[in-house]
Protein backbone atom coordinates (compact mmCIF):
# COMPACT_ATOMS: atom_id res chain seq x y z
CA MET A 1 24.76 89.42 -76.53
CA ASP A 2 24.51 91.54 -79.71
CA TYR A 3 24.17 95.33 -79.51
CA GLY A 4 22.14 97.44 -81.95
CA PHE A 5 22.44 101.14 -82.75
CA ALA A 6 20.09 103.25 -84.93
CA PRO A 7 20.34 106.92 -83.94
CA GLY A 8 18.40 108.51 -86.81
CA ARG A 9 15.07 110.28 -86.45
CA THR A 10 13.14 109.10 -89.50
CA ALA A 11 10.26 106.61 -89.36
CA GLN A 12 12.55 103.90 -90.77
CA ASP A 13 15.14 104.56 -88.04
CA LYS A 14 12.45 104.22 -85.39
CA ARG A 15 11.33 100.91 -86.94
CA ALA A 16 14.94 99.74 -86.87
CA ARG A 17 15.21 100.50 -83.15
CA ARG A 18 12.10 98.46 -82.44
CA LEU A 19 13.49 95.68 -84.63
CA PHE A 20 16.61 95.59 -82.44
CA GLN A 21 14.47 95.53 -79.31
CA ARG A 22 12.56 92.52 -80.63
CA ARG A 23 15.54 90.72 -82.17
CA ALA A 24 16.69 87.71 -80.13
CA ASN A 25 19.85 88.11 -78.04
CA THR A 26 20.06 91.83 -78.85
CA THR A 27 20.25 94.95 -76.69
CA LEU A 28 19.32 98.31 -78.17
CA VAL A 29 21.80 101.12 -77.45
CA ALA A 30 19.78 104.34 -77.59
CA PRO A 31 20.82 107.17 -75.23
CA LYS A 32 19.54 110.43 -76.73
CA ALA A 33 22.99 112.00 -76.65
CA LEU A 34 24.56 109.09 -78.55
CA THR A 35 24.40 109.99 -82.24
CA THR A 36 27.70 108.87 -83.85
CA VAL A 37 29.43 105.59 -84.61
CA ARG A 38 32.43 106.83 -82.64
CA GLY A 39 30.13 107.27 -79.64
CA PHE A 40 28.68 103.79 -80.14
CA ALA A 41 32.16 102.22 -80.26
CA ASN A 42 33.12 104.08 -77.07
CA HIS A 43 29.88 102.99 -75.38
CA LEU A 44 30.66 99.35 -76.14
CA LEU A 45 34.10 99.84 -74.56
CA THR A 46 33.22 101.83 -71.44
CA SER A 47 29.56 101.37 -70.48
CA GLY A 48 28.80 99.33 -67.41
CA THR A 49 25.63 98.11 -69.07
CA VAL A 50 27.56 96.22 -71.77
CA THR A 51 28.58 92.64 -71.20
CA ARG A 52 32.01 92.14 -72.77
CA PRO A 53 33.09 90.48 -74.90
CA ILE A 54 30.03 91.17 -77.01
CA ASP A 55 28.89 88.95 -79.84
CA ASP A 56 28.04 91.16 -82.83
CA ALA A 57 27.19 94.82 -83.32
CA LEU A 58 24.38 96.08 -85.54
CA ILE A 59 24.09 99.56 -87.04
CA ALA A 60 21.02 100.79 -88.93
CA ALA A 61 20.71 103.89 -91.08
CA HIS A 62 19.58 105.00 -94.49
CA ALA A 63 22.11 104.19 -97.21
CA ASN A 64 22.46 103.78 -100.97
CA SER A 65 24.47 101.95 -103.59
CA GLU A 66 26.64 105.00 -104.25
CA GLY A 67 28.70 104.43 -101.13
CA TRP A 68 26.81 106.70 -98.74
CA ILE A 69 25.39 105.93 -95.31
CA PHE A 70 23.41 108.64 -93.59
CA ILE A 71 24.79 108.45 -90.10
CA PRO A 72 27.73 110.48 -88.73
CA MET A 73 30.95 108.73 -87.81
CA PHE A 74 32.16 111.40 -85.38
CA PRO A 75 30.90 114.56 -83.61
CA LYS A 76 30.46 117.72 -85.71
CA GLN A 77 30.69 115.75 -88.94
CA LYS A 78 29.11 117.62 -91.83
CA GLY A 79 26.72 115.61 -93.98
CA GLY A 80 26.53 111.84 -94.41
CA THR A 81 29.37 109.35 -94.54
CA ASN A 82 31.22 108.47 -97.72
CA PHE A 83 34.57 106.90 -98.56
CA GLU A 84 36.51 110.08 -97.75
CA THR A 85 34.77 110.37 -94.37
CA LEU A 86 36.02 106.90 -93.46
CA GLU A 87 39.53 107.90 -94.49
CA LYS A 88 39.29 110.84 -92.07
CA THR A 89 38.50 108.45 -89.21
CA LEU A 90 41.69 106.58 -90.04
CA SER A 91 43.93 109.64 -90.28
CA ASP A 92 42.66 111.54 -87.21
CA PRO A 93 42.60 109.70 -83.85
CA SER A 94 39.96 112.12 -82.54
CA LYS A 95 37.60 110.82 -85.23
CA SER A 96 38.45 107.13 -84.89
CA ILE A 97 35.56 104.62 -84.91
CA ALA A 98 37.71 101.54 -84.25
CA ILE A 99 36.11 98.91 -82.02
CA ASP A 100 38.57 98.10 -79.25
CA ALA A 101 39.84 94.52 -79.29
CA THR A 102 38.69 94.00 -75.69
CA VAL A 103 35.09 94.68 -76.72
CA ILE A 104 35.10 91.50 -78.83
CA GLY A 105 37.74 89.58 -76.88
CA TYR A 106 40.13 89.68 -79.83
CA THR A 107 43.84 88.87 -79.62
CA ALA A 108 46.19 89.44 -82.54
CA GLY A 109 46.42 86.31 -84.63
CA ASP A 110 42.96 85.07 -83.68
CA PRO A 111 40.49 84.25 -86.46
CA ILE A 112 37.88 86.97 -87.07
CA MET A 113 34.79 85.74 -85.21
CA HIS A 114 32.62 88.84 -84.82
CA SER A 115 30.71 91.06 -87.24
CA VAL A 116 29.20 94.49 -87.61
CA HIS A 117 25.94 93.97 -89.45
CA PHE A 118 24.84 97.13 -91.22
CA LYS A 119 21.09 97.48 -91.85
CA GLY A 120 20.48 99.89 -94.72
CA CYS A 121 19.48 99.87 -98.37
CA ASN A 122 21.82 98.68 -101.11
CA ILE A 123 25.15 99.60 -99.49
CA GLY A 124 26.21 95.99 -100.05
CA LYS A 125 26.47 96.94 -103.73
CA ALA A 126 29.49 99.07 -102.81
CA PRO A 127 32.17 96.57 -101.63
CA PRO A 128 35.01 99.17 -101.69
CA PHE A 129 33.05 101.29 -99.21
CA LEU A 130 32.41 98.28 -96.96
CA THR A 131 36.08 97.29 -97.09
CA LYS A 132 37.09 100.78 -95.99
CA PHE A 133 34.36 100.70 -93.31
CA ARG A 134 35.82 97.45 -91.95
CA GLU A 135 39.27 99.03 -91.89
CA ALA A 136 37.89 102.08 -90.07
CA LEU A 137 36.22 99.83 -87.50
CA GLY A 138 39.63 98.42 -86.62
CA GLY A 139 39.85 95.48 -89.02
CA ASN A 140 39.05 92.90 -86.34
CA VAL A 141 35.41 92.44 -87.32
CA MET A 142 33.70 91.38 -90.51
CA VAL A 143 31.16 93.74 -92.04
CA THR A 144 27.93 92.67 -93.74
CA ALA A 145 25.34 94.76 -95.55
CA PRO A 146 22.30 94.21 -97.80
CA LYS A 147 22.73 94.05 -101.57
CA HIS A 148 19.10 95.11 -101.98
CA PHE A 149 16.54 97.59 -100.67
CA HIS A 150 16.02 96.88 -96.97
CA GLY A 151 12.38 96.86 -95.87
CA ILE A 152 10.79 96.78 -92.40
CA TYR A 153 7.09 96.13 -91.72
CA GLU A 154 5.55 96.36 -88.25
CA HIS A 155 2.35 95.17 -86.63
CA THR A 156 1.60 96.19 -83.05
CA ALA A 157 0.00 92.81 -82.24
CA TYR A 158 2.76 90.68 -83.74
CA GLY A 159 6.17 92.24 -84.18
CA THR A 160 8.55 93.22 -86.98
CA TRP A 161 9.08 91.69 -90.38
CA GLU A 162 12.36 92.34 -92.16
CA PHE A 163 12.50 91.77 -95.92
CA MET A 164 14.30 92.95 -99.05
CA ALA A 165 13.25 94.30 -102.42
CA TYR A 166 14.83 94.29 -105.83
CA GLU A 167 16.02 97.71 -106.97
CA PHE A 168 15.94 97.64 -110.77
CA GLN A 169 17.45 100.95 -111.83
CA ILE A 170 18.39 102.60 -115.11
CA ARG A 171 19.63 106.10 -115.83
CA ASN A 172 19.48 108.40 -118.82
CA LYS A 173 20.80 111.83 -119.76
CA THR A 174 17.23 113.09 -120.23
CA ASP A 175 13.67 111.97 -119.60
CA PHE A 176 12.66 109.06 -121.81
CA PRO A 177 10.41 110.46 -124.54
CA THR A 178 7.99 107.51 -124.60
CA ARG A 179 6.89 104.63 -122.43
CA ALA A 180 8.00 102.21 -125.14
CA ALA A 181 11.53 103.59 -125.00
CA LEU A 182 11.59 103.27 -121.22
CA LEU A 183 10.31 99.68 -121.32
CA ALA A 184 12.94 98.78 -123.89
CA ALA A 185 15.66 100.32 -121.72
CA PHE A 186 14.63 98.32 -118.65
CA ASP A 187 14.38 95.14 -120.70
CA GLY A 188 17.74 95.76 -122.34
CA GLU A 189 19.60 95.84 -119.02
CA GLY A 190 19.22 92.07 -118.54
CA PHE A 191 18.06 92.34 -114.93
CA THR A 192 17.71 89.02 -113.09
CA PHE A 193 15.76 87.64 -110.17
CA ILE A 194 17.45 86.20 -107.08
CA ASP A 195 17.80 82.77 -108.71
CA GLY A 196 19.58 84.20 -111.74
CA THR A 197 16.67 83.98 -114.19
CA THR A 198 16.16 87.01 -116.42
CA VAL A 199 13.17 89.23 -115.73
CA PRO A 200 10.65 88.44 -118.53
CA THR A 201 10.02 91.24 -121.01
CA ALA A 202 6.29 91.29 -120.25
CA GLU A 203 6.85 92.09 -116.56
CA TRP A 204 8.15 95.62 -117.19
CA ALA A 205 4.80 96.68 -118.65
CA LYS A 206 3.15 95.61 -115.38
CA TRP A 207 5.47 97.74 -113.28
CA VAL A 208 5.89 100.91 -115.34
CA PRO A 209 2.84 103.22 -115.30
CA LYS A 210 0.77 103.35 -118.46
CA LYS A 211 0.63 107.15 -118.25
CA ARG A 212 2.78 109.91 -116.75
CA ILE A 213 6.03 107.92 -116.75
CA GLY A 214 7.80 110.98 -115.38
CA LYS A 215 6.11 110.68 -111.99
CA GLY A 216 6.62 108.09 -109.24
CA VAL A 217 3.90 105.67 -108.16
CA LYS A 218 3.47 103.48 -105.07
CA THR A 219 1.30 100.39 -105.41
CA PRO A 220 0.14 98.43 -102.32
CA VAL A 221 1.01 94.74 -102.55
CA SER A 222 -0.14 91.96 -100.22
CA MET A 223 2.70 89.45 -99.86
CA LYS A 224 2.15 85.82 -98.93
CA LEU A 225 4.21 84.53 -96.01
CA GLY A 226 3.87 80.85 -96.87
CA LEU A 227 2.82 80.09 -93.29
CA THR A 228 0.49 81.41 -90.63
CA ILE A 229 1.60 83.60 -87.74
CA GLY A 230 -1.39 83.99 -85.45
CA LYS A 231 -4.07 85.00 -87.91
CA ARG A 232 -1.69 86.45 -90.48
CA LYS A 233 -0.86 84.75 -93.76
CA THR A 234 0.22 87.96 -95.51
CA ILE A 235 1.76 91.35 -94.79
CA GLU A 236 1.16 94.59 -96.65
CA THR A 237 4.14 95.96 -98.54
CA GLU A 238 4.35 97.98 -101.73
CA ARG A 239 5.84 98.08 -105.18
CA GLN A 240 7.38 101.41 -106.10
CA TYR A 241 8.12 103.14 -109.37
CA ARG A 242 10.48 106.06 -108.77
CA VAL A 243 11.75 108.87 -110.98
CA SER A 244 14.65 110.97 -109.68
CA ARG A 245 16.14 113.95 -111.51
CA LEU A 246 19.67 114.30 -110.24
CA GLY A 247 22.22 117.05 -110.64
CA PHE A 248 25.98 117.41 -110.49
CA GLY A 249 27.68 120.77 -110.01
CA TRP A 250 31.26 121.92 -110.54
CA SER A 251 33.11 125.24 -110.58
CA ILE A 252 36.55 126.37 -111.70
CA LYS A 253 38.00 129.71 -110.63
CA TYR A 254 40.40 131.30 -113.09
CA SER A 255 43.19 133.78 -112.38
CA GLY A 256 45.37 135.50 -114.91
CA GLY A 257 42.74 135.30 -117.61
CA PRO A 258 39.06 134.67 -118.32
CA PRO A 259 37.36 131.26 -118.48
CA PRO A 260 37.10 129.59 -121.90
CA ALA A 261 34.63 131.25 -124.26
CA THR A 262 33.19 128.40 -126.33
CA PRO A 263 31.01 125.48 -125.13
CA ALA A 264 33.54 122.94 -126.40
CA ALA A 265 36.43 124.63 -124.61
CA ARG A 266 34.40 124.92 -121.41
CA GLN A 267 33.48 121.23 -121.54
CA ALA A 268 37.13 120.31 -122.09
CA ALA A 269 38.23 122.44 -119.14
CA PHE A 270 35.53 120.93 -116.95
CA GLU A 271 36.49 117.37 -117.87
CA ALA A 272 40.18 118.05 -117.22
CA SER A 273 39.40 119.55 -113.81
CA VAL A 274 37.15 116.65 -112.76
CA GLY A 275 39.66 114.07 -114.03
CA ALA A 276 42.38 115.62 -111.86
CA ASP A 277 40.27 115.66 -108.70
CA PRO A 278 41.47 113.17 -106.04
CA ALA A 279 37.95 111.79 -105.49
CA PHE A 280 37.83 110.75 -109.14
CA GLN A 281 41.28 109.17 -108.92
CA SER A 282 40.90 107.28 -105.64
CA THR A 283 40.75 103.51 -105.21
CA TYR A 284 36.98 103.97 -105.19
CA PRO A 285 36.55 106.77 -107.73
CA SER A 286 33.48 108.98 -107.68
CA TYR A 287 32.34 107.98 -111.16
CA GLU A 288 32.10 104.38 -109.95
CA ARG A 289 30.01 105.46 -106.99
CA TYR A 290 27.58 107.16 -109.36
CA GLY A 291 27.21 103.91 -111.26
CA TYR A 292 29.61 104.38 -114.19
CA ALA A 293 32.40 102.08 -115.31
CA SER A 294 34.77 104.85 -116.37
CA LEU A 295 35.30 108.60 -116.30
CA ALA A 296 34.29 108.73 -119.97
CA ASP A 297 31.01 106.96 -119.17
CA PHE A 298 30.39 109.46 -116.39
CA PHE A 299 30.81 112.41 -118.75
CA ALA A 300 28.58 110.71 -121.31
CA GLY A 301 25.88 110.01 -118.72
CA TYR A 302 24.80 113.61 -118.10
CA THR A 303 23.51 116.57 -120.04
CA TRP A 304 26.03 119.34 -119.32
CA THR A 305 25.55 123.10 -119.40
CA HIS A 306 28.09 125.84 -118.67
CA SER A 307 27.92 129.43 -117.55
CA VAL A 308 30.43 132.09 -116.54
CA LYS A 309 30.22 134.64 -113.79
CA LYS A 310 33.19 136.97 -113.58
CA ASN A 311 36.22 134.64 -113.48
CA VAL A 312 34.40 131.44 -112.50
CA LEU A 313 33.24 128.69 -114.86
CA PHE A 314 30.15 126.92 -113.52
CA THR A 315 29.13 123.53 -114.90
CA SER A 316 25.81 121.83 -114.21
CA GLY A 317 24.97 118.25 -115.12
CA LYS A 318 21.57 116.57 -115.18
CA ARG A 319 20.51 112.93 -115.41
CA VAL A 320 17.33 110.99 -114.70
CA GLU A 321 17.11 107.73 -112.73
CA TYR A 322 14.18 105.35 -113.08
CA THR A 323 13.79 102.75 -110.33
CA ILE A 324 11.43 99.84 -109.72
CA LEU A 325 11.31 98.41 -106.20
CA LEU A 326 9.79 94.94 -105.93
CA PRO A 327 9.67 92.74 -102.78
CA ILE A 328 11.86 89.65 -103.19
CA THR A 329 9.97 86.37 -103.15
CA ASP A 330 11.05 82.76 -103.21
CA PRO A 331 11.35 81.81 -106.91
CA THR A 332 9.66 78.45 -106.32
CA THR A 333 6.78 79.33 -104.00
CA GLY A 334 6.23 83.04 -104.63
CA ASN A 335 6.27 83.66 -100.87
CA LEU A 336 8.00 86.66 -99.36
CA VAL A 337 11.53 86.01 -98.08
CA PHE A 338 11.67 87.50 -94.57
CA ASN A 339 12.86 87.50 -91.00
CA PHE A 340 10.28 87.83 -88.24
CA HIS A 341 11.04 89.33 -84.83
CA PRO A 342 8.05 88.85 -82.49
CA ILE A 343 7.02 91.11 -79.65
CA SER A 344 8.25 89.40 -76.48
CA THR A 345 4.78 89.25 -74.92
CA THR A 346 3.34 87.26 -77.84
CA PRO A 347 3.48 83.45 -78.24
CA TYR A 348 5.04 83.65 -81.70
CA ALA A 349 8.46 82.27 -82.60
CA ALA A 350 11.22 84.15 -84.39
CA ILE A 351 11.82 83.22 -88.03
CA THR A 352 15.10 83.69 -89.91
CA ASN A 353 15.20 83.29 -93.68
CA LEU A 354 17.58 86.16 -94.38
CA ASN A 355 20.99 85.23 -93.01
CA GLU A 356 23.96 87.59 -93.25
CA THR A 357 26.09 84.73 -94.60
CA ASP A 358 23.84 84.38 -97.66
CA SER A 359 25.68 86.03 -100.56
CA ASP A 360 22.47 86.38 -102.59
CA TYR A 361 21.26 88.96 -100.11
CA PHE A 362 24.31 90.30 -98.28
CA GLU A 363 27.82 91.41 -99.08
CA GLN A 364 30.41 90.34 -96.49
CA VAL A 365 33.94 91.69 -96.25
């Protein structure tokens, strides 16, 4: 038996809980007081309702490609979970999220046979985070996670469809001045479809709004299933065009003298301070999480401004992200690639086209 856990309170979290309820061979773990991964691991070890050894565990939460999952690892945790949070679970036994070996029937020296399947957007694009997550979980399970946007569609007469969407994303220091410049930037990234073919130049003009490129747009899209489930041959999803204006803040407190006076000196002081910060020097440095190949690229990727208040230098950075979300279809047929989890009282059969062992869709560590 697999066990699923999705403690969040958003609409997507609620859909994930119903997905687990409808998923074959899966029991949803959902006591109201259970809100952390540490609590979930302890439940699997101690609850009389759990049949041990279990098969796999599933955890669902919002996530992103920057190495963040929005679910707490331990009680009284502040904010979401990043690389440093996982390191805390390894250094402090009171915060440990390790899955006990008896839960999965593991003996030292055995091959790794069980997995924790994480259900959340794009976190599979952050292998260093997943590797640390596996270590934090005790190292005796594999961890899988989507490399793409994770979508869930429900129908009360049928069940739950699980699918993925491309997340084509570019970033710039400022808003693009023209639509033509934005189209050229998307095209210049060399984005590819799931089969490795390059996205044709003409497609970007279909997906980027003709006017008001600085504002997001959602476009309903009816996706073909390639088969009939009851009376359904399609499901309703959407294509999204997103614009996000993101900030980065930093401060340096000076003693024994005032902060630098000129913009160049302030920028130099800021860059030196950031470069010395442990998060920017770790095995998974912060600039990489933000999507940059180096610290220099990170500094070049923002528009920076500085101000001084008393003996503190404040630095503010701004950048703009443009994102196109597009449901992933089979390159040959054009049909949506999906899993289907039927409501148990219906006559419909489960369908699995998205398998966690498929490296086109999932990262596995």
